[in-house]
Protein backbone atom coordinates (compact mmCIF):
# COMPACT_ATOMS: atom_id res chain seq x y z
CA MET A 1 7.75 -54.48 51.25
CA TRP A 2 9.33 -51.39 52.81
CA SER A 3 7.43 -49.09 50.42
CA ALA A 4 4.18 -50.61 51.70
CA VAL A 5 5.34 -50.22 55.31
CA MET A 6 6.19 -46.54 54.80
CA GLU A 7 2.83 -45.91 53.13
CA ARG A 8 1.06 -47.38 56.18
CA PHE A 9 3.29 -45.46 58.54
CA ARG A 10 2.67 -42.10 56.87
CA SER A 11 -1.08 -42.71 56.90
CA ARG A 12 -0.89 -43.38 60.65
CA ILE A 13 1.15 -40.24 61.40
CA PRO A 14 0.38 -37.64 58.71
CA GLY A 15 3.25 -35.25 58.20
CA ALA A 16 5.74 -37.43 60.06
CA SER A 17 9.28 -36.67 58.96
CA LEU A 18 11.83 -39.43 58.62
CA VAL A 19 14.53 -36.87 59.41
CA GLU A 20 12.76 -36.13 62.70
CA ALA A 21 12.29 -39.83 63.42
CA ARG A 22 15.92 -40.66 62.82
CA GLY A 23 17.23 -37.71 64.82
CA LEU A 24 14.98 -38.52 67.75
CA THR A 25 15.87 -42.21 67.62
CA ASP A 26 19.61 -41.53 67.47
CA ARG A 27 19.44 -39.17 70.44
CA LEU A 28 17.31 -41.32 72.70
CA GLU A 29 18.81 -44.75 71.96
CA ARG A 30 22.55 -44.11 72.17
CA LEU A 31 24.51 -45.46 75.13
CA VAL A 32 26.48 -42.22 75.37
CA SER A 33 24.99 -38.72 74.96
CA GLY A 34 21.44 -37.53 75.45
CA GLY A 35 21.55 -37.75 79.24
CA ALA A 36 19.90 -40.26 81.54
CA LEU A 37 16.47 -41.48 80.47
CA GLY A 38 14.83 -39.65 83.35
CA SER A 39 16.31 -36.34 82.24
CA ILE A 40 15.21 -36.60 78.59
CA ASN A 41 12.36 -34.29 77.69
CA ARG A 42 9.03 -36.03 78.28
CA ARG A 43 7.62 -34.71 75.02
CA ALA A 44 10.55 -36.22 73.11
CA ARG A 45 9.97 -39.59 74.73
CA GLU A 46 6.27 -39.48 73.93
CA ARG A 47 7.01 -38.59 70.31
CA TYR A 48 9.51 -41.45 70.11
CA GLY A 49 6.85 -43.81 71.51
CA GLN A 50 4.27 -42.62 68.99
CA ILE A 51 6.64 -42.98 66.03
CA TRP A 52 7.87 -46.45 66.93
CA ALA A 53 4.50 -47.83 68.01
CA GLU A 54 3.09 -46.89 64.61
CA MET A 55 6.17 -48.13 62.74
CA LEU A 56 6.07 -51.53 64.44
CA ALA A 57 2.32 -51.77 63.81
CA SER A 58 2.88 -50.93 60.13
CA ILE A 59 5.58 -53.61 59.77
CA SER A 60 3.33 -56.16 61.47
CA GLU A 61 0.35 -55.35 59.22
CA VAL A 62 2.35 -55.60 55.99
CA THR A 63 4.29 -58.76 56.88
CA GLY A 64 1.59 -60.49 58.90
CA SER A 65 4.16 -61.20 61.61
CA LEU A 66 3.80 -60.63 65.34
CA THR A 67 7.56 -61.02 65.95
CA ILE A 68 10.07 -58.52 64.59
CA VAL A 69 13.77 -59.29 64.87
CA ASP A 70 16.38 -56.53 65.12
CA THR A 71 19.83 -57.95 64.36
CA SER A 72 21.91 -54.85 65.06
CA LYS A 73 25.56 -55.86 65.07
CA SER A 74 26.92 -53.05 67.22
CA ALA A 75 25.08 -52.47 70.45
CA HIS A 76 26.14 -49.10 71.83
CA PRO A 77 24.58 -46.88 69.11
CA ARG A 78 21.26 -48.55 69.97
CA ALA A 79 21.92 -49.60 73.56
CA ARG A 80 18.83 -47.94 75.01
CA ARG A 81 16.48 -49.35 72.40
CA PRO A 82 15.16 -52.22 74.58
CA PHE A 83 14.33 -49.83 77.41
CA MET A 84 12.83 -47.20 75.13
CA LEU A 85 10.64 -49.62 73.17
CA ALA A 86 9.44 -51.34 76.33
CA SER A 87 8.74 -48.16 78.28
CA GLU A 88 7.42 -45.87 75.52
CA THR A 89 5.55 -48.28 73.23
CA GLY A 90 4.63 -51.15 75.56
CA THR A 91 6.38 -53.61 73.23
CA ASP A 92 7.25 -57.05 74.63
CA VAL A 93 11.02 -56.81 74.16
CA ARG A 94 13.27 -59.87 74.48
CA VAL A 95 17.04 -59.61 74.04
CA VAL A 96 19.68 -62.11 72.93
CA VAL A 97 23.15 -60.79 73.76
CA LEU A 98 25.63 -62.48 71.40
CA MET A 99 29.15 -62.11 72.75
CA ARG A 100 32.62 -63.26 71.79
CA ASP A 101 35.89 -63.71 73.68
CA PRO A 102 37.59 -60.26 73.71
CA ARG A 103 40.91 -61.83 72.70
CA ALA A 104 39.27 -63.15 69.53
CA VAL A 105 37.68 -59.76 68.86
CA MET A 106 41.04 -58.00 69.16
CA TRP A 107 42.72 -60.63 67.00
CA SER A 108 40.07 -60.17 64.33
CA VAL A 109 40.62 -56.40 64.24
CA ALA A 110 44.39 -56.81 64.15
CA ALA A 111 44.21 -59.46 61.41
CA ALA A 112 41.93 -57.28 59.29
CA GLY A 113 44.31 -54.37 59.77
CA SER A 114 47.33 -56.42 58.75
CA ARG A 115 45.61 -57.36 55.50
CA LYS A 116 45.14 -53.66 54.83
CA GLY A 117 48.75 -52.75 55.50
CA GLY A 118 49.08 -52.85 59.27
CA ALA A 119 46.78 -52.69 62.27
CA LYS A 120 46.89 -49.50 64.26
CA LEU A 121 47.10 -49.98 68.01
CA LEU A 122 44.51 -47.26 68.53
CA ALA A 123 41.94 -49.15 66.44
CA VAL A 124 42.46 -52.32 68.47
CA GLU A 125 42.24 -50.45 71.76
CA ARG A 126 39.11 -48.62 70.61
CA THR A 127 37.55 -51.99 69.78
CA LEU A 128 38.47 -53.32 73.21
CA ALA A 129 36.98 -50.26 74.92
CA SER A 130 33.78 -50.72 72.90
CA TRP A 131 33.66 -54.40 73.91
CA ILE A 132 33.93 -53.48 77.59
CA ALA A 133 31.19 -50.82 77.39
CA THR A 134 28.82 -53.01 75.40
CA TYR A 135 28.95 -56.05 77.64
CA ALA A 136 29.03 -54.09 80.88
CA TYR A 137 25.80 -52.53 79.63
CA ALA A 138 24.44 -55.99 78.76
CA SER A 139 25.05 -57.02 82.37
CA ARG A 140 23.01 -54.04 83.50
CA LEU A 141 20.24 -54.96 81.09
CA ARG A 142 20.13 -58.50 82.46
CA ARG A 143 20.17 -57.39 86.10
CA GLY A 144 17.28 -54.98 85.54
CA GLY A 145 14.82 -57.86 85.24
CA GLN A 146 12.21 -55.84 83.32
CA ILE A 147 13.23 -57.21 79.90
CA ARG A 148 13.73 -60.91 79.23
CA THR A 149 17.39 -61.38 78.35
CA THR A 150 19.70 -64.28 77.60
CA THR A 151 23.40 -64.34 76.75
CA VAL A 152 24.80 -66.54 73.98
CA ARG A 153 28.55 -67.03 73.66
CA TYR A 154 29.66 -67.12 70.03
CA GLU A 155 32.11 -69.95 70.64
CA GLU A 156 29.43 -72.20 72.13
CA LEU A 157 26.89 -71.31 69.44
CA THR A 158 29.19 -72.40 66.62
CA LEU A 159 30.31 -75.59 68.37
CA GLU A 160 27.01 -76.70 69.93
CA PRO A 161 24.18 -74.87 68.11
CA ARG A 162 21.37 -77.20 69.25
CA ALA A 163 22.13 -76.94 72.97
CA VAL A 164 22.67 -73.18 72.86
CA LEU A 165 19.62 -72.34 70.74
CA GLU A 166 17.34 -74.62 72.73
CA ARG A 167 18.50 -72.99 75.99
CA ALA A 168 17.97 -69.51 74.56
CA GLY A 169 14.52 -70.53 73.34
CA ARG A 170 13.53 -71.80 76.78
CA GLU A 171 14.77 -68.65 78.50
CA LEU A 172 12.97 -66.33 76.07
CA ASP A 173 9.92 -68.53 75.42
CA LEU A 174 10.63 -68.51 71.68
CA ASP A 175 10.72 -71.36 69.16
CA PHE A 176 14.17 -71.68 67.58
CA SER A 177 13.57 -75.19 66.19
CA ALA A 178 13.89 -74.04 62.56
CA ALA A 179 17.25 -72.44 63.32
CA VAL A 180 18.40 -75.61 65.11
CA ALA A 181 17.47 -77.75 62.09
CA ALA A 182 19.18 -75.38 59.67
CA ALA A 183 22.36 -75.38 61.74
CA GLU A 184 22.51 -79.17 62.05
CA GLN A 185 21.80 -79.77 58.37
CA ARG A 186 24.20 -76.99 57.26
CA CYS A 187 21.33 -75.45 55.34
CA ASN A 188 21.25 -71.92 54.01
CA ILE A 189 19.61 -69.52 56.44
CA ALA A 190 17.33 -67.24 54.47
CA SER A 191 17.20 -63.55 55.34
CA GLU A 192 13.93 -61.72 54.73
CA HIS A 193 13.13 -58.03 54.48
CA ALA A 194 16.69 -56.85 55.24
CA PHE A 195 16.77 -53.10 55.67
CA ALA A 196 20.36 -52.03 56.32
CA GLY A 197 23.61 -53.06 57.92
CA ASN A 198 26.05 -55.91 57.50
CA ALA A 199 25.85 -57.44 54.02
CA ILE A 200 26.04 -60.96 55.47
CA ARG A 201 22.35 -60.65 56.32
CA ARG A 202 21.55 -60.52 52.61
CA ASP A 203 23.92 -63.33 51.65
CA PRO A 204 21.89 -66.35 50.45
CA VAL A 205 24.61 -68.79 51.53
CA THR A 206 24.91 -67.87 55.21
CA VAL A 207 25.60 -71.12 57.09
CA LEU A 208 26.30 -71.82 60.76
CA ARG A 209 29.43 -73.95 60.99
CA PRO A 210 31.95 -75.00 63.65
CA ALA A 211 34.48 -72.29 64.49
CA SER A 212 38.18 -72.60 63.87
CA SER A 213 40.38 -72.28 66.95
CA ASP A 214 43.07 -70.39 65.02
CA GLY A 215 43.67 -67.05 66.63
CA MET A 216 41.05 -67.60 69.32
CA THR A 217 43.59 -67.90 72.13
CA ARG A 218 46.15 -65.35 70.94
CA LEU A 219 46.17 -62.48 73.37
CA HIS A 220 47.11 -58.95 72.40
CA ARG A 221 48.84 -57.10 75.22
CA HIS A 222 47.29 -53.73 75.93
CA ARG A 223 48.11 -50.97 78.29
CA GLY A 224 47.01 -51.17 81.91
CA ALA A 225 43.42 -50.26 82.71
CA LEU A 226 41.82 -51.47 79.47
CA ALA A 227 43.24 -54.97 79.78
CA ARG A 228 42.26 -55.23 83.45
CA ALA A 229 38.73 -53.96 82.79
CA ALA A 230 38.27 -56.39 79.90
CA ALA A 231 39.46 -59.27 82.06
CA LEU A 232 36.91 -58.39 84.77
CA VAL A 233 34.00 -58.24 82.33
CA ALA A 234 35.14 -61.37 80.46
CA ARG A 235 35.32 -63.41 83.67
CA ARG A 236 31.68 -62.54 84.44
CA TYR A 237 30.72 -64.22 81.19
CA GLY A 238 32.82 -67.34 81.82
CA TYR A 239 35.94 -66.47 79.82
CA ARG A 240 39.28 -67.31 81.42
């Protein structure tokens, strides 16, 4: 499938370099570095728009789909993507922000570290700082009003998938009925055309299931400002 996409893409932009495309994308989409959008070279933005408009068109032609789903797990390397795609390609961008209680995120990092011989405090604090930056940015995205956005809390999704997915569908004007049925029937959720990233996307036995409460309420104590900042952001999303 991807070979066919790339053949279409190269025919649309003869001489286009994937090295150029990746470098440009990395520079313009990152949350940090590259400067404010207004200060980025206009020619670079136009080239980005050309590349991604043709890439999305190529994917749509080969798959026959009008909806393309980007399931990036970590937001800040691609934080500006919604703005860039909307402004430079005219794409109708809709965003689902999937978030999790920061205490559970820190516990997960610490637990993974302990299995590998001990969690380093720096790794946990770096994760917490990333959590703060990502969801503070998500708040900005939602307040902007130019891109349709909804927030889904991980804990609610795993415990009440029907209610959460139906709400998200109404807010984004998308049909999630197949996902609702799969969640309720504990069916495998098939992944199609995976390109890169977390291997779980290519696992044929991915199933939505109720979450365990173990570790969800254990709070790691962190130094000063980070803990206070995380608490402020978390409260905005309903965590107490």
